[in-house]
PDB file of N, CA and C in Angstrom:
ATOM      1  N   MET A   1      20.156  81.855  48.810  1.00  0.00           N
ATOM      2  CA  MET A   1      19.069  82.768  49.113  1.00  0.00           C
ATOM      3  C   MET A   1      18.040  82.041  49.980  1.00  0.00           C
ATOM      4  N   LYS A   2      17.709  82.635  51.111  1.00  0.00           N
ATOM      5  CA  LYS A   2      16.695  82.087  52.016  1.00  0.00           C
ATOM      6  C   LYS A   2      15.313  82.473  51.504  1.00  0.00           C
ATOM      7  N   LYS A   3      14.336  81.596  51.731  1.00  0.00           N
ATOM      8  CA  LYS A   3      12.970  81.838  51.276  1.00  0.00           C
ATOM      9  C   LYS A   3      12.046  81.990  52.473  1.00  0.00           C
ATOM     10  N   LEU A   4      11.404  83.160  52.563  1.00  0.00           N
ATOM     11  CA  LEU A   4      10.471  83.467  53.634  1.00  0.00           C
ATOM     12  C   LEU A   4       9.082  83.621  53.041  1.00  0.00           C
ATOM     13  N   LEU A   5       8.129  82.884  53.571  1.00  0.00           N
ATOM     14  CA  LEU A   5       6.739  82.981  53.138  1.00  0.00           C
ATOM     15  C   LEU A   5       5.947  83.716  54.202  1.00  0.00           C
ATOM     16  N   ILE A   6       5.173  84.710  53.773  1.00  0.00           N
ATOM     17  CA  ILE A   6       4.281  85.428  54.679  1.00  0.00           C
ATOM     18  C   ILE A   6       2.862  85.244  54.140  1.00  0.00           C
ATOM     19  N   VAL A   7       1.989  84.694  54.995  1.00  0.00           N
ATOM     20  CA  VAL A   7       0.626  84.388  54.569  1.00  0.00           C
ATOM     21  C   VAL A   7      -0.409  85.003  55.498  1.00  0.00           C
ATOM     22  N   CYS A   8      -1.595  85.185  54.925  1.00  0.00           N
ATOM     23  CA  CYS A   8      -2.772  85.555  55.701  1.00  0.00           C
ATOM     24  C   CYS A   8      -3.943  84.774  55.114  1.00  0.00           C
ATOM     25  N   GLY A   9      -5.138  85.081  55.548  1.00  0.00           N
ATOM     26  CA  GLY A   9      -6.302  84.335  55.090  1.00  0.00           C
ATOM     27  C   GLY A   9      -6.580  84.483  53.614  1.00  0.00           C
ATOM     28  N   ALA A  10      -6.471  85.695  53.090  1.00  0.00           N
ATOM     29  CA  ALA A  10      -6.783  85.950  51.680  1.00  0.00           C
ATOM     30  C   ALA A  10      -5.555  86.287  50.845  1.00  0.00           C
ATOM     31  N   GLY A  11      -4.438  86.530  51.489  1.00  0.00           N
ATOM     32  CA  GLY A  11      -3.211  86.842  50.757  1.00  0.00           C
ATOM     33  C   GLY A  11      -3.085  88.292  50.341  1.00  0.00           C
ATOM     34  N   HIS A  12      -3.879  89.172  50.960  1.00  0.00           N
ATOM     35  CA  HIS A  12      -3.850  90.579  50.552  1.00  0.00           C
ATOM     36  C   HIS A  12      -3.565  91.537  51.704  1.00  0.00           C
ATOM     37  N   ALA A  13      -4.484  91.680  52.603  1.00  0.00           N
ATOM     38  CA  ALA A  13      -4.442  92.765  53.584  1.00  0.00           C
ATOM     39  C   ALA A  13      -3.348  92.627  54.639  1.00  0.00           C
ATOM     40  N   THR A  14      -3.544  91.724  55.596  1.00  0.00           N
ATOM     41  CA  THR A  14      -2.585  91.680  56.697  1.00  0.00           C
ATOM     42  C   THR A  14      -1.215  91.156  56.264  1.00  0.00           C
ATOM     43  N   SER A  15      -1.189  90.289  55.268  1.00  0.00           N
ATOM     44  CA  SER A  15       0.122  89.824  54.807  1.00  0.00           C
ATOM     45  C   SER A  15       0.890  90.948  54.124  1.00  0.00           C
ATOM     46  N   THR A  16       0.197  91.887  53.517  1.00  0.00           N
ATOM     47  CA  THR A  16       0.855  93.030  52.887  1.00  0.00           C
ATOM     48  C   THR A  16       1.516  93.905  53.953  1.00  0.00           C
ATOM     49  N   ILE A  17       0.826  94.108  55.054  1.00  0.00           N
ATOM     50  CA  ILE A  17       1.391  94.872  56.168  1.00  0.00           C
ATOM     51  C   ILE A  17       2.617  94.141  56.712  1.00  0.00           C
ATOM     52  N   ALA A  18       2.493  92.829  56.887  1.00  0.00           N
ATOM     53  CA  ALA A  18       3.595  92.028  57.416  1.00  0.00           C
ATOM     54  C   ALA A  18       4.796  92.047  56.475  1.00  0.00           C
ATOM     55  N   VAL A  19       4.559  91.913  55.181  1.00  0.00           N
ATOM     56  CA  VAL A  19       5.652  91.944  54.199  1.00  0.00           C
ATOM     57  C   VAL A  19       6.403  93.270  54.293  1.00  0.00           C
ATOM     58  N   SER A  20       5.668  94.355  54.409  1.00  0.00           N
ATOM     59  CA  SER A  20       6.288  95.674  54.500  1.00  0.00           C
ATOM     60  C   SER A  20       7.174  95.788  55.744  1.00  0.00           C
ATOM     61  N   LYS A  21       6.657  95.369  56.878  1.00  0.00           N
ATOM     62  CA  LYS A  21       7.414  95.491  58.131  1.00  0.00           C
ATOM     63  C   LYS A  21       8.626  94.564  58.163  1.00  0.00           C
ATOM     64  N   VAL A  22       8.452  93.331  57.711  1.00  0.00           N
ATOM     65  CA  VAL A  22       9.570  92.386  57.707  1.00  0.00           C
ATOM     66  C   VAL A  22      10.615  92.819  56.683  1.00  0.00           C
ATOM     67  N   GLY A  23      10.161  93.287  55.540  1.00  0.00           N
ATOM     68  CA  GLY A  23      11.089  93.770  54.518  1.00  0.00           C
ATOM     69  C   GLY A  23      11.939  94.918  55.028  1.00  0.00           C
ATOM     70  N   GLU A  24      11.310  95.828  55.744  1.00  0.00           N
ATOM     71  CA  GLU A  24      12.044  96.960  56.328  1.00  0.00           C
ATOM     72  C   GLU A  24      13.047  96.470  57.365  1.00  0.00           C
ATOM     73  N   TRP A  25      12.641  95.519  58.209  1.00  0.00           N
ATOM     74  CA  TRP A  25      13.545  94.954  59.219  1.00  0.00           C
ATOM     75  C   TRP A  25      14.740  94.270  58.560  1.00  0.00           C
ATOM     76  N   LEU A  26      14.474  93.490  57.520  1.00  0.00           N
ATOM     77  CA  LEU A  26      15.564  92.819  56.805  1.00  0.00           C
ATOM     78  C   LEU A  26      16.537  93.840  56.223  1.00  0.00           C
ATOM     79  N   LYS A  27      16.000  94.886  55.612  1.00  0.00           N
ATOM     80  CA  LYS A  27      16.843  95.928  55.004  1.00  0.00           C
ATOM     81  C   LYS A  27      17.668  96.655  56.062  1.00  0.00           C
ATOM     82  N   ASN A  28      17.036  97.022  57.161  1.00  0.00           N
ATOM     83  CA  ASN A  28      17.723  97.751  58.230  1.00  0.00           C
ATOM     84  C   ASN A  28      18.829  96.940  58.889  1.00  0.00           C
ATOM     85  N   ASN A  29      18.714  95.619  58.816  1.00  0.00           N
ATOM     86  CA  ASN A  29      19.717  94.749  59.426  1.00  0.00           C
ATOM     87  C   ASN A  29      20.661  94.124  58.400  1.00  0.00           C
ATOM     88  N   ASN A  30      20.582  94.623  57.164  1.00  0.00           N
ATOM     89  CA  ASN A  30      21.452  94.160  56.074  1.00  0.00           C
ATOM     90  C   ASN A  30      21.350  92.659  55.807  1.00  0.00           C
ATOM     91  N   TYR A  31      20.149  92.116  55.977  1.00  0.00           N
ATOM     92  CA  TYR A  31      19.896  90.712  55.637  1.00  0.00           C
ATOM     93  C   TYR A  31      19.366  90.683  54.202  1.00  0.00           C
ATOM     94  N   ASP A  32      20.277  90.800  53.256  1.00  0.00           N
ATOM     95  CA  ASP A  32      19.859  90.909  51.860  1.00  0.00           C
ATOM     96  C   ASP A  32      19.816  89.564  51.143  1.00  0.00           C
ATOM     97  N   ASN A  33      19.971  88.481  51.891  1.00  0.00           N
ATOM     98  CA  ASN A  33      19.931  87.162  51.274  1.00  0.00           C
ATOM     99  C   ASN A  33      18.596  86.447  51.542  1.00  0.00           C
ATOM    100  N   VAL A  34      17.533  87.226  51.759  1.00  0.00           N
ATOM    101  CA  VAL A  34      16.209  86.666  52.038  1.00  0.00           C
ATOM    102  C   VAL A  34      15.221  87.164  50.992  1.00  0.00           C
ATOM    103  N   GLN A  35      14.547  86.222  50.346  1.00  0.00           N
ATOM    104  CA  GLN A  35      13.493  86.539  49.379  1.00  0.00           C
ATOM    105  C   GLN A  35      12.148  86.333  50.070  1.00  0.00           C
ATOM    106  N   ILE A  36      11.292  87.350  50.042  1.00  0.00           N
ATOM    107  CA  ILE A  36       9.978  87.260  50.671  1.00  0.00           C
ATOM    108  C   ILE A  36       8.937  86.885  49.618  1.00  0.00           C
ATOM    109  N   TYR A  37       8.104  85.910  49.974  1.00  0.00           N
ATOM    110  CA  TYR A  37       6.975  85.507  49.150  1.00  0.00           C
ATOM    111  C   TYR A  37       5.704  85.763  49.938  1.00  0.00           C
ATOM    112  N   GLN A  38       4.652  86.196  49.259  1.00  0.00           N
ATOM    113  CA  GLN A  38       3.380  86.516  49.909  1.00  0.00           C
ATOM    114  C   GLN A  38       2.274  85.719  49.248  1.00  0.00           C
ATOM    115  N   SER A  39       1.367  85.174  50.077  1.00  0.00           N
ATOM    116  CA  SER A  39       0.294  84.359  49.531  1.00  0.00           C
ATOM    117  C   SER A  39      -0.808  84.195  50.557  1.00  0.00           C
ATOM    118  N   LYS A  40      -1.870  83.485  50.148  1.00  0.00           N
ATOM    119  CA  LYS A  40      -2.890  83.100  51.118  1.00  0.00           C
ATOM    120  C   LYS A  40      -2.553  81.698  51.609  1.00  0.00           C
ATOM    121  N   LEU A  41      -2.858  81.423  52.835  1.00  0.00           N
ATOM    122  CA  LEU A  41      -2.473  80.173  53.473  1.00  0.00           C
ATOM    123  C   LEU A  41      -2.951  78.958  52.691  1.00  0.00           C
ATOM    124  N   ALA A  42      -4.185  78.952  52.246  1.00  0.00           N
ATOM    125  CA  ALA A  42      -4.749  77.785  51.565  1.00  0.00           C
ATOM    126  C   ALA A  42      -3.943  77.392  50.326  1.00  0.00           C
ATOM    127  N   ASP A  43      -3.357  78.355  49.648  1.00  0.00           N
ATOM    128  CA  ASP A  43      -2.582  78.064  48.444  1.00  0.00           C
ATOM    129  C   ASP A  43      -1.212  77.467  48.740  1.00  0.00           C
ATOM    130  N   GLU A  44      -0.766  77.549  49.962  1.00  0.00           N
ATOM    131  CA  GLU A  44       0.594  77.138  50.309  1.00  0.00           C
ATOM    132  C   GLU A  44       0.681  75.899  51.201  1.00  0.00           C
ATOM    133  N   LEU A  45      -0.441  75.365  51.629  1.00  0.00           N
ATOM    134  CA  LEU A  45      -0.422  74.258  52.587  1.00  0.00           C
ATOM    135  C   LEU A  45       0.416  73.073  52.125  1.00  0.00           C
ATOM    136  N   ASN A  46       0.401  72.766  50.859  1.00  0.00           N
ATOM    137  CA  ASN A  46       1.159  71.624  50.350  1.00  0.00           C
ATOM    138  C   ASN A  46       2.594  71.983  49.975  1.00  0.00           C
ATOM    139  N   LYS A  47       2.976  73.253  50.152  1.00  0.00           N
ATOM    140  CA  LYS A  47       4.316  73.701  49.770  1.00  0.00           C
ATOM    141  C   LYS A  47       5.105  74.273  50.949  1.00  0.00           C
ATOM    142  N   ILE A  48       4.629  74.060  52.146  1.00  0.00           N
ATOM    143  CA  ILE A  48       5.242  74.650  53.345  1.00  0.00           C
ATOM    144  C   ILE A  48       6.728  74.303  53.449  1.00  0.00           C
ATOM    145  N   ASP A  49       7.092  73.079  53.081  1.00  0.00           N
ATOM    146  CA  ASP A  49       8.489  72.659  53.217  1.00  0.00           C
ATOM    147  C   ASP A  49       9.414  73.301  52.191  1.00  0.00           C
ATOM    148  N   ASP A  50       8.863  74.042  51.232  1.00  0.00           N
ATOM    149  CA  ASP A  50       9.677  74.731  50.232  1.00  0.00           C
ATOM    150  C   ASP A  50      10.314  76.010  50.781  1.00  0.00           C
ATOM    151  N   TYR A  51       9.910  76.412  51.989  1.00  0.00           N
ATOM    152  CA  TYR A  51      10.361  77.677  52.557  1.00  0.00           C
ATOM    153  C   TYR A  51      11.227  77.449  53.798  1.00  0.00           C
ATOM    154  N   ASP A  52      12.158  78.371  54.024  1.00  0.00           N
ATOM    155  CA  ASP A  52      13.019  78.303  55.203  1.00  0.00           C
ATOM    156  C   ASP A  52      12.300  78.790  56.447  1.00  0.00           C
ATOM    157  N   ALA A  53      11.356  79.710  56.272  1.00  0.00           N
ATOM    158  CA  ALA A  53      10.576  80.240  57.389  1.00  0.00           C
ATOM    159  C   ALA A  53       9.218  80.687  56.866  1.00  0.00           C
ATOM    160  N   ILE A  54       8.209  80.593  57.745  1.00  0.00           N
ATOM    161  CA  ILE A  54       6.851  81.010  57.392  1.00  0.00           C
ATOM    162  C   ILE A  54       6.319  81.870  58.523  1.00  0.00           C
ATOM    163  N   ILE A  55       5.726  83.000  58.161  1.00  0.00           N
ATOM    164  CA  ILE A  55       5.027  83.861  59.113  1.00  0.00           C
ATOM    165  C   ILE A  55       3.569  83.889  58.672  1.00  0.00           C
ATOM    166  N   SER A  56       2.658  83.703  59.622  1.00  0.00           N
ATOM    167  CA  SER A  56       1.235  83.747  59.303  1.00  0.00           C
ATOM    168  C   SER A  56       0.513  84.723  60.214  1.00  0.00           C
ATOM    169  N   THR A  57      -0.357  85.525  59.626  1.00  0.00           N
ATOM    170  CA  THR A  57      -1.182  86.440  60.406  1.00  0.00           C
ATOM    171  C   THR A  57      -2.580  85.864  60.620  1.00  0.00           C
ATOM    172  N   THR A  58      -2.760  84.602  60.256  1.00  0.00           N
ATOM    173  CA  THR A  58      -4.040  83.927  60.439  1.00  0.00           C
ATOM    174  C   THR A  58      -3.816  82.599  61.161  1.00  0.00           C
ATOM    175  N   ILE A  59      -4.877  81.981  61.589  1.00  0.00           N
ATOM    176  CA  ILE A  59      -4.797  80.691  62.266  1.00  0.00           C
ATOM    177  C   ILE A  59      -4.353  79.634  61.258  1.00  0.00           C
ATOM    178  N   VAL A  60      -3.454  78.767  61.693  1.00  0.00           N
ATOM    179  CA  VAL A  60      -2.938  77.706  60.819  1.00  0.00           C
ATOM    180  C   VAL A  60      -3.343  76.345  61.371  1.00  0.00           C
ATOM    181  N   PRO A  61      -3.428  75.340  60.496  1.00  0.00           N
ATOM    182  CA  PRO A  61      -3.760  73.989  60.960  1.00  0.00           C
ATOM    183  C   PRO A  61      -2.691  73.458  61.924  1.00  0.00           C
ATOM    184  N   ASP A  62      -3.106  72.616  62.844  1.00  0.00           N
ATOM    185  CA  ASP A  62      -2.182  72.037  63.818  1.00  0.00           C
ATOM    186  C   ASP A  62      -1.025  71.305  63.147  1.00  0.00           C
ATOM    187  N   SER A  63      -1.269  70.738  61.969  1.00  0.00           N
ATOM    188  CA  SER A  63      -0.247  69.948  61.285  1.00  0.00           C
ATOM    189  C   SER A  63       0.977  70.773  60.867  1.00  0.00           C
ATOM    190  N   ILE A  64       0.812  72.082  60.692  1.00  0.00           N
ATOM    191  CA  ILE A  64       1.950  72.925  60.295  1.00  0.00           C
ATOM    192  C   ILE A  64       2.334  73.951  61.358  1.00  0.00           C
ATOM    193  N   LYS A  65       1.599  73.969  62.452  1.00  0.00           N
ATOM    194  CA  LYS A  65       1.826  74.970  63.504  1.00  0.00           C
ATOM    195  C   LYS A  65       3.279  75.054  63.973  1.00  0.00           C
ATOM    196  N   PRO A  66       3.993  73.922  64.144  1.00  0.00           N
ATOM    197  CA  PRO A  66       5.386  74.017  64.599  1.00  0.00           C
ATOM    198  C   PRO A  66       6.316  74.708  63.600  1.00  0.00           C
ATOM    199  N   LYS A  67       5.937  74.751  62.341  1.00  0.00           N
ATOM    200  CA  LYS A  67       6.776  75.342  61.300  1.00  0.00           C
ATOM    201  C   LYS A  67       6.498  76.830  61.086  1.00  0.00           C
ATOM    202  N   VAL A  68       5.466  77.357  61.748  1.00  0.00           N
ATOM    203  CA  VAL A  68       4.979  78.706  61.459  1.00  0.00           C
ATOM    204  C   VAL A  68       5.211  79.649  62.632  1.00  0.00           C
ATOM    205  N   ILE A  69       5.678  80.855  62.316  1.00  0.00           N
ATOM    206  CA  ILE A  69       5.833  81.920  63.306  1.00  0.00           C
ATOM    207  C   ILE A  69       4.538  82.739  63.291  1.00  0.00           C
ATOM    208  N   ASN A  70       3.979  82.962  64.467  1.00  0.00           N
ATOM    209  CA  ASN A  70       2.762  83.754  64.585  1.00  0.00           C
ATOM    210  C   ASN A  70       3.071  85.207  64.225  1.00  0.00           C
ATOM    211  N   GLY A  71       2.409  85.735  63.204  1.00  0.00           N
ATOM    212  CA  GLY A  71       2.667  87.085  62.728  1.00  0.00           C
ATOM    213  C   GLY A  71       1.865  88.178  63.407  1.00  0.00           C
ATOM    214  N   LEU A  72       1.059  87.844  64.397  1.00  0.00           N
ATOM    215  CA  LEU A  72       0.237  88.845  65.080  1.00  0.00           C
ATOM    216  C   LEU A  72       1.052  90.019  65.626  1.00  0.00           C
ATOM    217  N   PRO A  73       2.260  89.796  66.166  1.00  0.00           N
ATOM    218  CA  PRO A  73       3.056  90.936  66.643  1.00  0.00           C
ATOM    219  C   PRO A  73       3.352  91.986  65.565  1.00  0.00           C
ATOM    220  N   LEU A  74       3.353  91.586  64.305  1.00  0.00           N
ATOM    221  CA  LEU A  74       3.578  92.556  63.229  1.00  0.00           C
ATOM    222  C   LEU A  74       2.402  93.514  63.088  1.00  0.00           C
ATOM    223  N   LEU A  75       1.250  93.095  63.580  1.00  0.00           N
ATOM    224  CA  LEU A  75       0.051  93.927  63.503  1.00  0.00           C
ATOM    225  C   LEU A  75      -0.186  94.719  64.779  1.00  0.00           C
ATOM    226  N   THR A  76       0.214  94.139  65.923  1.00  0.00           N
ATOM    227  CA  THR A  76      -0.059  94.786  67.209  1.00  0.00           C
ATOM    228  C   THR A  76       1.156  95.457  67.834  1.00  0.00           C
ATOM    229  N   GLY A  77       2.348  94.981  67.483  1.00  0.00           N
ATOM    230  CA  GLY A  77       3.572  95.492  68.093  1.00  0.00           C
ATOM    231  C   GLY A  77       3.946  94.755  69.361  1.00  0.00           C
ATOM    232  N   VAL A  78       3.016  94.003  69.936  1.00  0.00           N
ATOM    233  CA  VAL A  78       3.262  93.272  71.172  1.00  0.00           C
ATOM    234  C   VAL A  78       3.989  91.971  70.839  1.00  0.00           C
ATOM    235  N   GLY A  79       5.198  91.813  71.355  1.00  0.00           N
ATOM    236  CA  GLY A  79       5.989  90.613  71.112  1.00  0.00           C
ATOM    237  C   GLY A  79       6.818  90.667  69.837  1.00  0.00           C
ATOM    238  N   ILE A  80       6.998  91.857  69.295  1.00  0.00           N
ATOM    239  CA  ILE A  80       7.707  92.005  68.016  1.00  0.00           C
ATOM    240  C   ILE A  80       9.171  91.585  68.113  1.00  0.00           C
ATOM    241  N   ASP A  81       9.830  91.872  69.235  1.00  0.00           N
ATOM    242  CA  ASP A  81      11.234  91.485  69.385  1.00  0.00           C
ATOM    243  C   ASP A  81      11.394  89.966  69.345  1.00  0.00           C
ATOM    244  N   GLN A  82      10.468  89.245  69.977  1.00  0.00           N
ATOM    245  CA  GLN A  82      10.520  87.779  69.967  1.00  0.00           C
ATOM    246  C   GLN A  82      10.263  87.248  68.567  1.00  0.00           C
ATOM    247  N   LEU A  83       9.337  87.862  67.840  1.00  0.00           N
ATOM    248  CA  LEU A  83       9.071  87.435  66.467  1.00  0.00           C
ATOM    249  C   LEU A  83      10.330  87.555  65.620  1.00  0.00           C
ATOM    250  N   TYR A  84      11.002  88.688  65.690  1.00  0.00           N
ATOM    251  CA  TYR A  84      12.218  88.881  64.896  1.00  0.00           C
ATOM    252  C   TYR A  84      13.339  87.945  65.352  1.00  0.00           C
ATOM    253  N   SER A  85      13.405  87.662  66.638  1.00  0.00           N
ATOM    254  CA  SER A  85      14.383  86.713  67.148  1.00  0.00           C
ATOM    255  C   SER A  85      14.118  85.313  66.589  1.00  0.00           C
ATOM    256  N   ASP A  86      12.857  84.904  66.598  1.00  0.00           N
ATOM    257  CA  ASP A  86      12.475  83.597  66.049  1.00  0.00           C
ATOM    258  C   ASP A  86      12.760  83.536  64.550  1.00  0.00           C
ATOM    259  N   LEU A  87      12.455  84.620  63.844  1.00  0.00           N
ATOM    260  CA  LEU A  87      12.685  84.659  62.409  1.00  0.00           C
ATOM    261  C   LEU A  87      14.183  84.567  62.095  1.00  0.00           C
ATOM    262  N   LYS A  88      14.965  85.288  62.844  1.00  0.00           N
ATOM    263  CA  LYS A  88      16.419  85.263  62.661  1.00  0.00           C
ATOM    264  C   LYS A  88      16.961  83.848  62.849  1.00  0.00           C
ATOM    265  N   GLU A  89      16.461  83.166  63.868  1.00  0.00           N
ATOM    266  CA  GLU A  89      16.889  81.795  64.154  1.00  0.00           C
ATOM    267  C   GLU A  89      16.466  80.845  63.023  1.00  0.00           C
ATOM    268  N   ARG A  90      15.229  80.947  62.593  1.00  0.00           N
ATOM    269  CA  ARG A  90      14.728  80.042  61.536  1.00  0.00           C
ATOM    270  C   ARG A  90      15.449  80.241  60.220  1.00  0.00           C
ATOM    271  N   LEU A  91      15.812  81.483  59.935  1.00  0.00           N
ATOM    272  CA  LEU A  91      16.498  81.769  58.674  1.00  0.00           C
ATOM    273  C   LEU A  91      18.005  81.567  58.778  1.00  0.00           C
ATOM    274  N   GLY A  92      18.497  81.360  59.991  1.00  0.00           N
ATOM    275  CA  GLY A  92      19.933  81.167  60.184  1.00  0.00           C
ATOM    276  C   GLY A  92      20.721  82.432  59.929  1.00  0.00           C
ATOM    277  N   LEU A  93      20.182  83.568  60.343  1.00  0.00           N
ATOM    278  CA  LEU A  93      20.832  84.859  60.105  1.00  0.00           C
ATOM    279  C   LEU A  93      21.711  85.262  61.271  1.00  0.00           C
TER     280      LEU A  93
END
């Protein structure tokens, strides 16, 4: 089972929207081997390596930036195909 973390600043609003959209995408593409976790970024900084992929709808520290997919396209729709392509690659789907 692959582990996907979706974070935002507080762990409630924008990450909830992102979880819904990514969950729907996973279901529509029959990627049923991915478990989604939702949290606020500050709570996960020391656990980033526990996940196969991370999507963030907030600014992340430079130290973890290479490991994180920018989740802004999930909110705006601009660049959504690239986001899903990056996610697919990171999860090995």
